[in-house]
Structure formats: C-alpha cells, structure tokens
C-alpha cells in the first residue's frame, strides 16, 4: 500500500513536470527568438531551447505553426503559441511572478503596447534595410531610421517612462515589452555602426534614445543573453554579404 502511494505521487509529479514544461523553438541569431528568451529569463522560467534550421524547418515546427511556418514558437502544456508579441503577452499573463512585462495600469499598458508596435512597424524593416543595402538606397533607409528615432525621442520617451518624467531607467525588475522590442533591434547598434561604417544613433541628436539603449545593455539579463561582440560582428558581416550578393 505504501509503495503504491509513493508510485502514485511519482506519477503525479511526472505529469506535472510534463504539463508545466516550456519549450522554445527558435534560432540563435533571431531577434524575435531573443525577445522570448528575455521574457522567460526575466520571469525566471526554466525552458528548453530547440534550435531550428531555417533552411530545413522541422516537422515539429511546421506542425506547431502551420499558418506562418516561422519561429519563434513557445510550447507550454503541449500547446503552441506563435508570434513574438503574442507570446510575451501569454508569458506575462500566465506567470504572474517576477516583473510585469506590461504595466497593470490600463493607460500605461496601452502606451507600452503602442510604442512597442511603433518600433515593430516603423523601425524594424528599415533598420534591416540599412544593413542589407548600399549606396542611395542605404542612405534613404538611414535617413528614415533617424527620423523615426527622433519621433521616439520627442514623443515616445515621455510616455514610455512617464513615471520618471521621460528619463530612461531600465533594470531587470522594470524591463517591459517595449524595452524588449527595442533591445532586440538596436541593442547591438555599435556592431551595426562598425560593420556599416555609419552612425546610426547619435547621442547629440537623440540623447534620450541613446541613454535608453545603453541602460538596456547594462542590465544583467541582456548581458547574459548577448553573444560576444566579435561574434555579433561576424553574424552581421555574413548577413550583409549574403544580402548584397542576392541583390
């Protein structure tokens, strides 16, 4: 009888471990995967990372995300969630421990979502275009990047950091969705500037944005997840060379 009780408890424990298992299908070099890793680390959630070959996607990934067939995909309780911003929402709502990735106040939450969406819609593609292009096309893309950064400098920071009068302050305990989105785009801006030979973030023109990104980079969670600088340079060089060779 005693052994049967022990076996029953062991089975319950195994079922609980399977039920609570968190698996992230992603790619080491993907900024979208890094968003999810940051969210999981901030919440102190143990997870298994499955590196996907984007040229030969696994059947598991295709089964979990049959619509877009893209990473990242988070699997929790055997159920898949796709699209990075939706995954972060899910993480924040499911695990209430740790820092809130979205403010509890509805108004502040709407502002964080607005600016995260602004960065996603208006900065992501054009920053990638700067890396992938050259000549006049690159100059036009860089001009657009700087224009969008000035919008964030003038209008965004005071709403994102309303509780500090627009002064960017970021720690592991206060990092939010919009910090994560900005981090995975421009955290390695120094490597971008070195590879491209261009100035992307000018502290004299956008001092607040400059301070914001550097505050993000000083957090321990970002430092822990950031690859060595030389490796970032190599990834950017290879990506740029491949992009230019196709154009």
C-alpha atoms as a PDB file:
ATOM      1  CA  UNK A   1       0.000   0.000   0.000  1.00  0.00           C
ATOM      2  CA  UNK A   2       2.775   2.420   0.986  1.00  0.00           C
ATOM      3  CA  UNK A   3       4.669   1.681  -2.247  1.00  0.00           C
ATOM      4  CA  UNK A   4       1.505   2.226  -4.275  1.00  0.00           C
ATOM      5  CA  UNK A   5       1.077   5.653  -2.686  1.00  0.00           C
ATOM      6  CA  UNK A   6       4.710   6.521  -3.476  1.00  0.00           C
ATOM      7  CA  UNK A   7       4.308   5.388  -7.089  1.00  0.00           C
ATOM      8  CA  UNK A   8       1.132   7.433  -7.413  1.00  0.00           C
ATOM      9  CA  UNK A   9       2.890  10.548  -6.126  1.00  0.00           C
ATOM     10  CA  UNK A  10       5.801   9.981  -8.518  1.00  0.00           C
ATOM     11  CA  UNK A  11       3.395   9.693 -11.439  1.00  0.00           C
ATOM     12  CA  UNK A  12       1.632  12.884 -10.368  1.00  0.00           C
ATOM     13  CA  UNK A  13       4.985  14.667 -10.183  1.00  0.00           C
ATOM     14  CA  UNK A  14       5.962  13.454 -13.671  1.00  0.00           C
ATOM     15  CA  UNK A  15       2.604  14.538 -15.085  1.00  0.00           C
ATOM     16  CA  UNK A  16       3.052  17.976 -13.500  1.00  0.00           C
ATOM     17  CA  UNK A  17       6.563  18.321 -14.970  1.00  0.00           C
ATOM     18  CA  UNK A  18       5.291  17.418 -18.446  1.00  0.00           C
ATOM     19  CA  UNK A  19       2.328  19.759 -18.070  1.00  0.00           C
ATOM     20  CA  UNK A  20       4.494  22.698 -16.989  1.00  0.00           C
ATOM     21  CA  UNK A  21       7.316  22.078 -19.473  1.00  0.00           C
ATOM     22  CA  UNK A  22       8.244  25.102 -21.564  1.00  0.00           C
ATOM     23  CA  UNK A  23       9.901  24.653 -24.954  1.00  0.00           C
ATOM     24  CA  UNK A  24      11.024  27.467 -27.242  1.00  0.00           C
ATOM     25  CA  UNK A  25      11.549  26.727 -30.935  1.00  0.00           C
ATOM     26  CA  UNK A  26      13.784  29.462 -32.271  1.00  0.00           C
ATOM     27  CA  UNK A  27      17.118  30.425 -33.738  1.00  0.00           C
ATOM     28  CA  UNK A  28      20.221  31.728 -32.019  1.00  0.00           C
ATOM     29  CA  UNK A  29      20.562  34.680 -34.408  1.00  0.00           C
ATOM     30  CA  UNK A  30      16.876  35.645 -34.477  1.00  0.00           C
ATOM     31  CA  UNK A  31      15.884  38.875 -32.692  1.00  0.00           C
ATOM     32  CA  UNK A  32      12.351  37.505 -32.424  1.00  0.00           C
ATOM     33  CA  UNK A  33      13.587  34.432 -30.546  1.00  0.00           C
ATOM     34  CA  UNK A  34      15.686  36.644 -28.313  1.00  0.00           C
ATOM     35  CA  UNK A  35      12.545  38.568 -27.323  1.00  0.00           C
ATOM     36  CA  UNK A  36      11.065  35.381 -25.891  1.00  0.00           C
ATOM     37  CA  UNK A  37      14.285  34.356 -24.174  1.00  0.00           C
ATOM     38  CA  UNK A  38      14.455  37.751 -22.473  1.00  0.00           C
ATOM     39  CA  UNK A  39      10.854  37.449 -21.283  1.00  0.00           C
ATOM     40  CA  UNK A  40      11.424  33.929 -19.952  1.00  0.00           C
ATOM     41  CA  UNK A  41      14.656  34.914 -18.205  1.00  0.00           C
ATOM     42  CA  UNK A  42      13.061  37.982 -16.629  1.00  0.00           C
ATOM     43  CA  UNK A  43      10.316  35.765 -15.228  1.00  0.00           C
ATOM     44  CA  UNK A  44      12.849  33.104 -14.112  1.00  0.00           C
ATOM     45  CA  UNK A  45      11.038  30.455 -16.158  1.00  0.00           C
ATOM     46  CA  UNK A  46      13.091  27.328 -16.966  1.00  0.00           C
ATOM     47  CA  UNK A  47      12.798  26.378 -20.634  1.00  0.00           C
ATOM     48  CA  UNK A  48      14.225  24.108 -23.288  1.00  0.00           C
ATOM     49  CA  UNK A  49      15.577  25.831 -26.394  1.00  0.00           C
ATOM     50  CA  UNK A  50      15.202  23.991 -29.692  1.00  0.00           C
ATOM     51  CA  UNK A  51      17.475  25.419 -32.393  1.00  0.00           C
ATOM     52  CA  UNK A  52      15.642  25.371 -35.726  1.00  0.00           C
ATOM     53  CA  UNK A  53      17.359  25.181 -39.098  1.00  0.00           C
ATOM     54  CA  UNK A  54      15.506  27.898 -41.004  1.00  0.00           C
ATOM     55  CA  UNK A  55      16.567  26.383 -44.330  1.00  0.00           C
ATOM     56  CA  UNK A  56      15.198  22.995 -43.324  1.00  0.00           C
ATOM     57  CA  UNK A  57      12.444  23.549 -40.763  1.00  0.00           C
ATOM     58  CA  UNK A  58      11.488  20.655 -38.559  1.00  0.00           C
ATOM     59  CA  UNK A  59       8.168  18.892 -38.937  1.00  0.00           C
ATOM     60  CA  UNK A  60       7.524  19.761 -35.305  1.00  0.00           C
ATOM     61  CA  UNK A  61       7.803  23.494 -36.035  1.00  0.00           C
ATOM     62  CA  UNK A  62       5.591  23.187 -39.114  1.00  0.00           C
ATOM     63  CA  UNK A  63       3.012  21.300 -37.086  1.00  0.00           C
ATOM     64  CA  UNK A  64       3.056  23.871 -34.299  1.00  0.00           C
ATOM     65  CA  UNK A  65       2.893  26.876 -36.643  1.00  0.00           C
ATOM     66  CA  UNK A  66       1.156  25.685 -39.824  1.00  0.00           C
ATOM     67  CA  UNK A  67      -0.015  29.179 -40.819  1.00  0.00           C
ATOM     68  CA  UNK A  68       3.211  31.215 -40.903  1.00  0.00           C
ATOM     69  CA  UNK A  69       5.715  28.334 -40.556  1.00  0.00           C
ATOM     70  CA  UNK A  70       8.033  30.682 -38.651  1.00  0.00           C
ATOM     71  CA  UNK A  71       9.889  30.963 -35.391  1.00  0.00           C
ATOM     72  CA  UNK A  72       9.548  31.639 -32.556  1.00  0.00           C
ATOM     73  CA  UNK A  73       7.028  29.178 -31.210  1.00  0.00           C
ATOM     74  CA  UNK A  74       6.558  28.684 -27.489  1.00  0.00           C
ATOM     75  CA  UNK A  75       5.119  25.361 -26.355  1.00  0.00           C
ATOM     76  CA  UNK A  76       3.557  25.222 -22.896  1.00  0.00           C
ATOM     77  CA  UNK A  77       1.437  22.336 -21.621  1.00  0.00           C
ATOM     78  CA  UNK A  78       1.885  20.850 -25.082  1.00  0.00           C
ATOM     79  CA  UNK A  79       0.104  23.850 -26.629  1.00  0.00           C
ATOM     80  CA  UNK A  80       1.907  26.111 -29.136  1.00  0.00           C
ATOM     81  CA  UNK A  81       1.810  29.918 -29.179  1.00  0.00           C
ATOM     82  CA  UNK A  82       3.323  31.804 -32.119  1.00  0.00           C
ATOM     83  CA  UNK A  83       4.217  35.424 -32.961  1.00  0.00           C
ATOM     84  CA  UNK A  84       6.650  37.026 -30.539  1.00  0.00           C
ATOM     85  CA  UNK A  85       4.444  39.851 -29.228  1.00  0.00           C
ATOM     86  CA  UNK A  86       1.578  37.461 -28.538  1.00  0.00           C
ATOM     87  CA  UNK A  87       3.964  35.039 -26.838  1.00  0.00           C
ATOM     88  CA  UNK A  88       5.180  37.781 -24.491  1.00  0.00           C
ATOM     89  CA  UNK A  89       1.554  38.625 -23.662  1.00  0.00           C
ATOM     90  CA  UNK A  90       0.963  34.954 -22.868  1.00  0.00           C
ATOM     91  CA  UNK A  91       4.055  34.728 -20.677  1.00  0.00           C
ATOM     92  CA  UNK A  92       3.109  37.838 -18.713  1.00  0.00           C
ATOM     93  CA  UNK A  93      -0.459  36.680 -18.147  1.00  0.00           C
ATOM     94  CA  UNK A  94       0.416  33.056 -17.345  1.00  0.00           C
ATOM     95  CA  UNK A  95       3.331  33.619 -14.968  1.00  0.00           C
ATOM     96  CA  UNK A  96       2.403  36.359 -12.542  1.00  0.00           C
ATOM     97  CA  UNK A  97       5.686  36.063 -10.658  1.00  0.00           C
ATOM     98  CA  UNK A  98       8.596  38.352 -11.403  1.00  0.00           C
ATOM     99  CA  UNK A  99       8.385  41.738 -13.123  1.00  0.00           C
ATOM    100  CA  UNK A 100       5.319  42.723 -15.119  1.00  0.00           C
ATOM    101  CA  UNK A 101       6.273  42.943 -18.782  1.00  0.00           C
ATOM    102  CA  UNK A 102       3.168  45.056 -19.329  1.00  0.00           C
ATOM    103  CA  UNK A 103       2.041  47.649 -16.746  1.00  0.00           C
ATOM    104  CA  UNK A 104      -1.023  46.795 -14.699  1.00  0.00           C
ATOM    105  CA  UNK A 105      -2.455  50.271 -15.212  1.00  0.00           C
ATOM    106  CA  UNK A 106      -4.569  50.114 -18.432  1.00  0.00           C
ATOM    107  CA  UNK A 107      -3.487  53.524 -19.719  1.00  0.00           C
ATOM    108  CA  UNK A 108       0.237  52.890 -19.232  1.00  0.00           C
ATOM    109  CA  UNK A 109      -0.187  49.413 -20.698  1.00  0.00           C
ATOM    110  CA  UNK A 110      -1.743  50.917 -23.825  1.00  0.00           C
ATOM    111  CA  UNK A 111       1.218  53.288 -24.204  1.00  0.00           C
ATOM    112  CA  UNK A 112       3.782  50.499 -23.835  1.00  0.00           C
ATOM    113  CA  UNK A 113       1.921  48.466 -26.454  1.00  0.00           C
ATOM    114  CA  UNK A 114       1.642  51.485 -28.762  1.00  0.00           C
ATOM    115  CA  UNK A 115       5.377  52.212 -28.752  1.00  0.00           C
ATOM    116  CA  UNK A 116       6.366  48.562 -28.994  1.00  0.00           C
ATOM    117  CA  UNK A 117       4.113  48.361 -32.041  1.00  0.00           C
ATOM    118  CA  UNK A 118       5.550  51.610 -33.430  1.00  0.00           C
ATOM    119  CA  UNK A 119       9.096  50.235 -33.225  1.00  0.00           C
ATOM    120  CA  UNK A 120       7.979  46.955 -34.804  1.00  0.00           C
ATOM    121  CA  UNK A 121       6.084  48.591 -37.692  1.00  0.00           C
ATOM    122  CA  UNK A 122       8.233  51.644 -38.396  1.00  0.00           C
ATOM    123  CA  UNK A 123      11.795  50.738 -37.401  1.00  0.00           C
ATOM    124  CA  UNK A 124      12.404  47.017 -37.777  1.00  0.00           C
ATOM    125  CA  UNK A 125      12.220  46.679 -41.546  1.00  0.00           C
ATOM    126  CA  UNK A 126      14.042  49.928 -42.261  1.00  0.00           C
ATOM    127  CA  UNK A 127      16.929  49.092 -39.894  1.00  0.00           C
ATOM    128  CA  UNK A 128      17.278  45.726 -41.649  1.00  0.00           C
ATOM    129  CA  UNK A 129      17.226  47.603 -44.961  1.00  0.00           C
ATOM    130  CA  UNK A 130      20.190  49.720 -43.829  1.00  0.00           C
ATOM    131  CA  UNK A 131      22.153  46.537 -43.164  1.00  0.00           C
ATOM    132  CA  UNK A 132      21.117  44.841 -46.423  1.00  0.00           C
ATOM    133  CA  UNK A 133      21.624  47.729 -48.866  1.00  0.00           C
ATOM    134  CA  UNK A 134      24.231  50.204 -50.069  1.00  0.00           C
ATOM    135  CA  UNK A 135      24.517  53.496 -51.915  1.00  0.00           C
ATOM    136  CA  UNK A 136      21.472  55.727 -52.318  1.00  0.00           C
ATOM    137  CA  UNK A 137      19.077  53.034 -51.094  1.00  0.00           C
ATOM    138  CA  UNK A 138      21.017  52.713 -47.860  1.00  0.00           C
ATOM    139  CA  UNK A 139      21.206  56.493 -47.396  1.00  0.00           C
ATOM    140  CA  UNK A 140      17.428  56.804 -47.744  1.00  0.00           C
ATOM    141  CA  UNK A 141      16.866  53.975 -45.265  1.00  0.00           C
ATOM    142  CA  UNK A 142      19.288  55.503 -42.759  1.00  0.00           C
ATOM    143  CA  UNK A 143      17.535  58.882 -43.042  1.00  0.00           C
ATOM    144  CA  UNK A 144      14.225  57.171 -42.272  1.00  0.00           C
ATOM    145  CA  UNK A 145      15.719  55.361 -39.260  1.00  0.00           C
ATOM    146  CA  UNK A 146      16.947  58.662 -37.846  1.00  0.00           C
ATOM    147  CA  UNK A 147      13.559  60.301 -38.419  1.00  0.00           C
ATOM    148  CA  UNK A 148      11.777  57.509 -36.530  1.00  0.00           C
ATOM    149  CA  UNK A 149      14.298  57.687 -33.687  1.00  0.00           C
ATOM    150  CA  UNK A 150      13.632  61.431 -33.386  1.00  0.00           C
ATOM    151  CA  UNK A 151       9.908  60.688 -33.069  1.00  0.00           C
ATOM    152  CA  UNK A 152      10.675  58.286 -30.212  1.00  0.00           C
ATOM    153  CA  UNK A 153      13.000  60.869 -28.658  1.00  0.00           C
ATOM    154  CA  UNK A 154      10.424  63.653 -28.807  1.00  0.00           C
ATOM    155  CA  UNK A 155       7.139  61.791 -28.221  1.00  0.00           C
ATOM    156  CA  UNK A 156       7.889  58.257 -27.095  1.00  0.00           C
ATOM    157  CA  UNK A 157      10.198  58.522 -24.106  1.00  0.00           C
ATOM    158  CA  UNK A 158       7.888  60.754 -22.077  1.00  0.00           C
ATOM    159  CA  UNK A 159       5.094  58.183 -22.466  1.00  0.00           C
ATOM    160  CA  UNK A 160       7.219  55.058 -22.055  1.00  0.00           C
ATOM    161  CA  UNK A 161       8.894  56.447 -18.931  1.00  0.00           C
ATOM    162  CA  UNK A 162       6.043  58.586 -17.621  1.00  0.00           C
ATOM    163  CA  UNK A 163       6.824  57.642 -14.019  1.00  0.00           C
ATOM    164  CA  UNK A 164      10.379  59.071 -14.312  1.00  0.00           C
ATOM    165  CA  UNK A 165       9.482  62.212 -16.319  1.00  0.00           C
ATOM    166  CA  UNK A 166      10.793  60.699 -19.545  1.00  0.00           C
ATOM    167  CA  UNK A 167      14.163  59.725 -18.083  1.00  0.00           C
ATOM    168  CA  UNK A 168      15.043  56.223 -19.365  1.00  0.00           C
ATOM    169  CA  UNK A 169      15.677  53.855 -16.472  1.00  0.00           C
ATOM    170  CA  UNK A 170      15.778  50.115 -17.111  1.00  0.00           C
ATOM    171  CA  UNK A 171      16.573  47.251 -14.739  1.00  0.00           C
ATOM    172  CA  UNK A 172      15.759  43.548 -14.654  1.00  0.00           C
ATOM    173  CA  UNK A 173      12.855  44.447 -12.380  1.00  0.00           C
ATOM    174  CA  UNK A 174      11.396  47.201 -14.584  1.00  0.00           C
ATOM    175  CA  UNK A 175      12.066  45.942 -18.115  1.00  0.00           C
ATOM    176  CA  UNK A 176       8.860  45.915 -20.154  1.00  0.00           C
ATOM    177  CA  UNK A 177       7.632  44.804 -23.564  1.00  0.00           C
ATOM    178  CA  UNK A 178       8.819  47.985 -25.274  1.00  0.00           C
ATOM    179  CA  UNK A 179      12.319  47.638 -23.760  1.00  0.00           C
ATOM    180  CA  UNK A 180      12.477  44.065 -25.058  1.00  0.00           C
ATOM    181  CA  UNK A 181      11.423  45.108 -28.567  1.00  0.00           C
ATOM    182  CA  UNK A 182      13.940  47.957 -28.693  1.00  0.00           C
ATOM    183  CA  UNK A 183      16.651  45.735 -27.240  1.00  0.00           C
ATOM    184  CA  UNK A 184      16.283  43.075 -29.918  1.00  0.00           C
ATOM    185  CA  UNK A 185      16.500  45.694 -32.650  1.00  0.00           C
ATOM    186  CA  UNK A 186      19.217  48.134 -31.589  1.00  0.00           C
ATOM    187  CA  UNK A 187      20.982  46.625 -28.588  1.00  0.00           C
ATOM    188  CA  UNK A 188      23.961  45.770 -30.883  1.00  0.00           C
ATOM    189  CA  UNK A 189      23.982  49.227 -32.510  1.00  0.00           C
ATOM    190  CA  UNK A 190      27.745  49.601 -32.002  1.00  0.00           C
ATOM    191  CA  UNK A 191      28.358  46.453 -34.046  1.00  0.00           C
ATOM    192  CA  UNK A 192      26.000  47.770 -36.748  1.00  0.00           C
ATOM    193  CA  UNK A 193      27.932  51.034 -36.881  1.00  0.00           C
ATOM    194  CA  UNK A 194      31.292  49.266 -37.075  1.00  0.00           C
ATOM    195  CA  UNK A 195      30.250  46.874 -39.840  1.00  0.00           C
ATOM    196  CA  UNK A 196      28.470  49.564 -41.882  1.00  0.00           C
ATOM    197  CA  UNK A 197      30.821  52.461 -41.180  1.00  0.00           C
ATOM    198  CA  UNK A 198      27.770  54.619 -40.399  1.00  0.00           C
ATOM    199  CA  UNK A 199      26.447  56.498 -37.397  1.00  0.00           C
ATOM    200  CA  UNK A 200      23.019  55.155 -36.521  1.00  0.00           C
ATOM    201  CA  UNK A 201      22.426  56.520 -33.022  1.00  0.00           C
ATOM    202  CA  UNK A 202      23.870  59.992 -32.439  1.00  0.00           C
ATOM    203  CA  UNK A 203      23.905  60.910 -28.722  1.00  0.00           C
ATOM    204  CA  UNK A 204      23.824  64.583 -29.627  1.00  0.00           C
ATOM    205  CA  UNK A 205      20.647  64.244 -31.717  1.00  0.00           C
ATOM    206  CA  UNK A 206      18.781  61.554 -29.757  1.00  0.00           C
ATOM    207  CA  UNK A 207      20.393  61.598 -26.292  1.00  0.00           C
ATOM    208  CA  UNK A 208      17.361  60.015 -24.644  1.00  0.00           C
ATOM    209  CA  UNK A 209      17.229  57.077 -27.068  1.00  0.00           C
ATOM    210  CA  UNK A 210      20.998  56.691 -26.740  1.00  0.00           C
ATOM    211  CA  UNK A 211      20.696  56.574 -22.953  1.00  0.00           C
ATOM    212  CA  UNK A 212      17.739  54.191 -23.154  1.00  0.00           C
ATOM    213  CA  UNK A 213      19.555  51.607 -25.283  1.00  0.00           C
ATOM    214  CA  UNK A 214      22.679  51.788 -23.158  1.00  0.00           C
ATOM    215  CA  UNK A 215      20.586  51.351 -19.992  1.00  0.00           C
ATOM    216  CA  UNK A 216      19.050  48.242 -21.575  1.00  0.00           C
ATOM    217  CA  UNK A 217      22.505  46.930 -22.437  1.00  0.00           C
ATOM    218  CA  UNK A 218      23.672  47.347 -18.845  1.00  0.00           C
ATOM    219  CA  UNK A 219      21.035  45.005 -17.419  1.00  0.00           C
ATOM    220  CA  UNK A 220      22.361  41.615 -16.353  1.00  0.00           C
ATOM    221  CA  UNK A 221      19.693  39.712 -18.295  1.00  0.00           C
ATOM    222  CA  UNK A 222      20.741  41.357 -21.580  1.00  0.00           C
ATOM    223  CA  UNK A 223      24.427  40.834 -20.845  1.00  0.00           C
ATOM    224  CA  UNK A 224      23.807  37.144 -20.116  1.00  0.00           C
ATOM    225  CA  UNK A 225      21.932  36.607 -23.391  1.00  0.00           C
ATOM    226  CA  UNK A 226      24.211  38.684 -25.623  1.00  0.00           C
ATOM    227  CA  UNK A 227      26.804  36.782 -27.674  1.00  0.00           C
ATOM    228  CA  UNK A 228      30.420  38.030 -27.694  1.00  0.00           C
ATOM    229  CA  UNK A 229      30.909  41.267 -29.634  1.00  0.00           C
ATOM    230  CA  UNK A 230      33.175  39.649 -32.246  1.00  0.00           C
ATOM    231  CA  UNK A 231      30.523  37.027 -32.901  1.00  0.00           C
ATOM    232  CA  UNK A 232      27.895  39.721 -33.439  1.00  0.00           C
ATOM    233  CA  UNK A 233      30.211  41.449 -35.917  1.00  0.00           C
ATOM    234  CA  UNK A 234      30.679  38.199 -37.826  1.00  0.00           C
ATOM    235  CA  UNK A 235      26.936  37.484 -37.941  1.00  0.00           C
ATOM    236  CA  UNK A 236      26.242  40.986 -39.287  1.00  0.00           C
ATOM    237  CA  UNK A 237      29.038  40.754 -41.884  1.00  0.00           C
ATOM    238  CA  UNK A 238      27.810  37.397 -43.173  1.00  0.00           C
ATOM    239  CA  UNK A 239      24.189  38.593 -43.241  1.00  0.00           C
ATOM    240  CA  UNK A 240      25.159  41.747 -45.140  1.00  0.00           C
ATOM    241  CA  UNK A 241      27.345  39.898 -47.651  1.00  0.00           C
ATOM    242  CA  UNK A 242      24.624  37.350 -48.358  1.00  0.00           C
ATOM    243  CA  UNK A 243      22.022  40.087 -48.778  1.00  0.00           C
ATOM    244  CA  UNK A 244      24.177  42.145 -51.156  1.00  0.00           C
ATOM    245  CA  UNK A 245      25.072  39.096 -53.246  1.00  0.00           C
ATOM    246  CA  UNK A 246      21.369  38.407 -53.824  1.00  0.00           C
ATOM    247  CA  UNK A 247      20.518  41.953 -54.893  1.00  0.00           C
END
